[in-house]
Amino acid sequence: MSAIEVVARPVFARADADWLAQLRAAQAHIQHVVEFTLVFPGATGSTHEVVQHVEAVCAATPRIRFCLRSAMIVPEGRTGQFHVFLVPDEGFGAIIRLHDRLHVGPLAACLDREVPYIPHITVASLGDFDMARRIKASLNANDLALTGHIDAVEVQERGAAEPHCIARTALAHHGLFG
């Protein structure tokens, strides 16, 4: 059984990308691809309808610049896990607005009414709250500032294997430097 989701793979400066990769490598169960998940599985429309919808939203959405400055813990009651997220200060609202525009039409059913959407990059998922808290505290003890941008989103099919990219759509580039 497969499911459709929409993600954004952020672009970072090389040093920030390397640091983030090392941080995530310490967690064996964290996938190696860094991304913001914008739409979790649950689409009701066909793959073609989903891709058309995503293309329309992206055509009206300018490139998103962001800066990850803090870590937070988000518990997941269903699994008993504690996720450590890096969250953006700058770009938070732009990512939320993109998330909201995507969750209409064929992707409306994907919106989880029980869990608020927090733009994030997961750096750890643990069953031990104290360990999650130590990781969060360690990250927040530093002057964290990972800057990046989102240029495109991907519609992915997620099944038993690794996610498979069905379509990649660029965000709109407005202005000379957009």
Protein backbone atom coordinates (compact mmCIF):
# COMPACT_ATOMS: atom_id res chain seq x y z
CA MET A 1 0.00 0.00 0.00
CA SER A 2 1.37 3.40 -0.90
CA ALA A 3 0.45 6.91 0.12
CA ILE A 4 0.96 10.35 -1.39
CA GLU A 5 2.65 13.12 0.59
CA VAL A 6 4.14 16.53 -0.21
CA VAL A 7 7.55 17.60 1.08
CA ALA A 8 9.99 20.46 0.64
CA ARG A 9 13.70 19.70 0.60
CA PRO A 10 15.41 22.83 1.85
CA VAL A 11 18.64 24.17 0.41
CA PHE A 12 21.31 25.03 3.01
CA ALA A 13 24.83 26.41 2.87
CA ARG A 14 27.30 23.50 2.70
CA ALA A 15 28.55 23.91 6.30
CA ASP A 16 24.99 23.99 7.67
CA ALA A 17 23.99 20.97 5.57
CA ASP A 18 27.02 19.01 6.83
CA TRP A 19 26.33 19.94 10.47
CA LEU A 20 22.68 18.92 10.15
CA ALA A 21 23.63 15.62 8.47
CA GLN A 22 26.00 14.78 11.35
CA LEU A 23 23.36 15.65 13.93
CA ARG A 24 20.76 13.44 12.24
CA ALA A 25 23.26 10.61 11.62
CA ALA A 26 23.45 10.08 15.38
CA GLN A 27 19.82 8.88 15.21
CA ALA A 28 19.78 5.57 13.32
CA HIS A 29 16.04 5.65 12.59
CA ILE A 30 15.98 9.19 11.11
CA GLN A 31 15.93 9.09 7.33
CA HIS A 32 18.95 10.68 5.67
CA VAL A 33 16.93 13.13 3.55
CA VAL A 34 16.29 16.49 5.24
CA GLU A 35 12.83 17.83 4.49
CA PHE A 36 9.85 19.77 5.73
CA THR A 37 6.78 17.55 5.41
CA LEU A 38 3.99 19.82 4.16
CA VAL A 39 1.24 17.24 3.55
CA PHE A 40 1.11 13.90 5.31
CA PRO A 41 -0.48 10.88 3.55
CA GLY A 42 -4.25 10.76 3.14
CA ALA A 43 -5.06 12.30 -0.26
CA THR A 44 -8.48 11.44 -1.66
CA GLY A 45 -7.89 12.49 -5.26
CA SER A 46 -5.94 10.73 -7.98
CA THR A 47 -2.20 11.25 -8.27
CA HIS A 48 -2.84 13.40 -11.35
CA GLU A 49 -5.27 15.64 -9.43
CA VAL A 50 -2.81 15.99 -6.55
CA VAL A 51 0.07 16.94 -8.87
CA GLN A 52 -2.11 19.51 -10.70
CA HIS A 53 -3.19 21.03 -7.37
CA VAL A 54 0.40 21.21 -6.09
CA GLU A 55 1.55 22.82 -9.35
CA ALA A 56 -1.17 25.49 -9.08
CA VAL A 57 -0.27 26.29 -5.45
CA CYS A 58 3.46 26.44 -6.25
CA ALA A 59 2.90 28.77 -9.21
CA ALA A 60 1.44 31.33 -6.79
CA THR A 61 3.94 30.81 -3.95
CA PRO A 62 7.25 32.67 -3.91
CA ARG A 63 10.49 31.06 -2.77
CA ILE A 64 10.62 30.75 1.02
CA ARG A 65 13.65 31.83 3.01
CA PHE A 66 13.94 30.58 6.57
CA CYS A 67 16.27 30.35 9.55
CA LEU A 68 16.17 27.52 12.09
CA ARG A 69 17.06 29.06 15.45
CA SER A 70 15.63 26.78 18.12
CA ALA A 71 14.82 23.21 19.07
CA MET A 72 11.66 21.97 20.73
CA ILE A 73 10.22 18.66 21.88
CA VAL A 74 6.91 17.49 20.47
CA PRO A 75 5.38 14.35 22.03
CA GLU A 76 3.52 11.92 19.80
CA GLY A 77 0.85 10.30 21.93
CA ARG A 78 0.03 7.58 19.40
CA THR A 79 3.54 6.11 19.47
CA GLY A 80 4.94 7.29 22.79
CA GLN A 81 7.82 8.99 20.97
CA PHE A 82 9.31 12.41 21.73
CA HIS A 83 10.43 14.24 18.60
CA VAL A 84 13.12 16.88 18.72
CA PHE A 85 12.38 19.46 16.05
CA LEU A 86 14.41 22.34 14.69
CA VAL A 87 11.89 25.09 13.98
CA PRO A 88 12.25 28.24 11.95
CA ASP A 89 11.93 31.72 13.40
CA GLU A 90 12.16 33.44 10.04
CA GLY A 91 9.97 31.79 7.39
CA PHE A 92 7.62 30.13 9.89
CA GLY A 93 4.56 32.02 8.62
CA ALA A 94 5.42 31.48 4.94
CA ILE A 95 5.71 27.72 5.46
CA ILE A 96 2.41 27.65 7.39
CA ARG A 97 0.68 29.56 4.56
CA LEU A 98 2.05 27.09 1.97
CA HIS A 99 0.85 24.20 4.15
CA ASP A 100 -2.63 25.78 4.39
CA ARG A 101 -2.91 26.40 0.62
CA LEU A 102 -1.94 22.80 -0.09
CA HIS A 103 -4.64 21.39 2.22
CA VAL A 104 -7.63 22.04 -0.02
CA GLY A 105 -9.20 20.04 -2.84
CA PRO A 106 -7.59 16.61 -3.25
CA LEU A 107 -5.36 17.17 -0.19
CA ALA A 108 -8.03 18.45 2.23
CA ALA A 109 -8.46 15.01 3.81
CA CYS A 110 -4.76 14.96 4.75
CA LEU A 111 -5.16 17.63 7.41
CA ASP A 112 -4.92 16.14 10.90
CA ARG A 113 -7.45 17.94 13.09
CA GLU A 114 -5.88 16.52 16.25
CA VAL A 115 -2.32 17.80 15.73
CA PRO A 116 -1.33 21.40 14.96
CA TYR A 117 1.13 21.82 12.12
CA ILE A 118 4.57 23.02 13.19
CA PRO A 119 7.08 23.62 10.38
CA HIS A 120 10.14 21.62 11.39
CA ILE A 121 13.05 19.41 10.58
CA THR A 122 13.22 16.36 12.84
CA VAL A 123 16.61 15.71 14.39
CA ALA A 124 15.65 12.96 16.84
CA SER A 125 12.74 10.68 17.75
CA LEU A 126 13.10 8.91 21.05
CA GLY A 127 11.04 6.96 23.54
CA ASP A 128 13.01 8.55 26.38
CA PHE A 129 11.85 12.07 27.31
CA ASP A 130 14.98 12.85 29.35
CA MET A 131 17.25 12.00 26.41
CA ALA A 132 15.11 14.14 24.09
CA ARG A 133 15.34 16.98 26.62
CA ARG A 134 19.15 16.69 26.75
CA ILE A 135 19.37 16.89 22.95
CA LYS A 136 17.04 19.90 22.88
CA ALA A 137 18.96 21.65 25.67
CA SER A 138 22.27 21.01 23.91
CA LEU A 139 20.97 22.52 20.69
CA ASN A 140 19.40 25.53 22.40
CA ALA A 141 22.57 26.19 24.43
CA ASN A 142 24.25 27.26 21.19
CA ASP A 143 23.61 30.28 19.01
CA LEU A 144 21.75 28.17 16.44
CA ALA A 145 21.16 29.81 13.05
CA LEU A 146 20.74 27.47 10.08
CA THR A 147 19.63 29.55 7.12
CA GLY A 148 18.17 28.11 3.98
CA HIS A 149 15.43 28.38 1.41
CA ILE A 150 12.73 26.32 -0.21
CA ASP A 151 12.72 26.50 -4.00
CA ALA A 152 10.44 23.58 -4.82
CA VAL A 153 8.17 20.91 -3.39
CA GLU A 154 7.93 17.24 -4.22
CA VAL A 155 4.91 15.00 -4.46
CA GLN A 156 6.10 11.64 -3.18
CA GLU A 157 4.68 8.17 -3.09
CA ARG A 158 5.50 6.51 0.21
CA GLY A 159 5.13 2.77 0.51
CA ALA A 160 7.07 0.01 2.17
CA ALA A 161 10.30 1.18 0.52
CA GLU A 162 11.96 4.58 0.36
CA PRO A 163 9.76 7.49 -0.77
CA HIS A 164 9.59 7.85 -4.55
CA CYS A 165 9.35 11.31 -6.15
CA ILE A 166 6.38 11.50 -8.52
CA ALA A 167 6.66 15.20 -9.36
CA ARG A 168 8.90 18.10 -8.41
CA THR A 169 7.46 21.59 -8.82
CA ALA A 170 9.36 24.86 -8.43
CA LEU A 171 7.97 27.69 -6.37
CA ALA A 172 7.45 30.98 -8.18
CA HIS A 173 10.46 33.28 -8.42
CA HIS A 174 9.31 36.86 -8.09
CA GLY A 175 11.53 39.81 -8.89
CA LEU A 176 15.12 40.04 -9.99
CA PHE A 177 16.53 38.16 -7.00
CA GLY A 178 13.47 35.92 -6.18
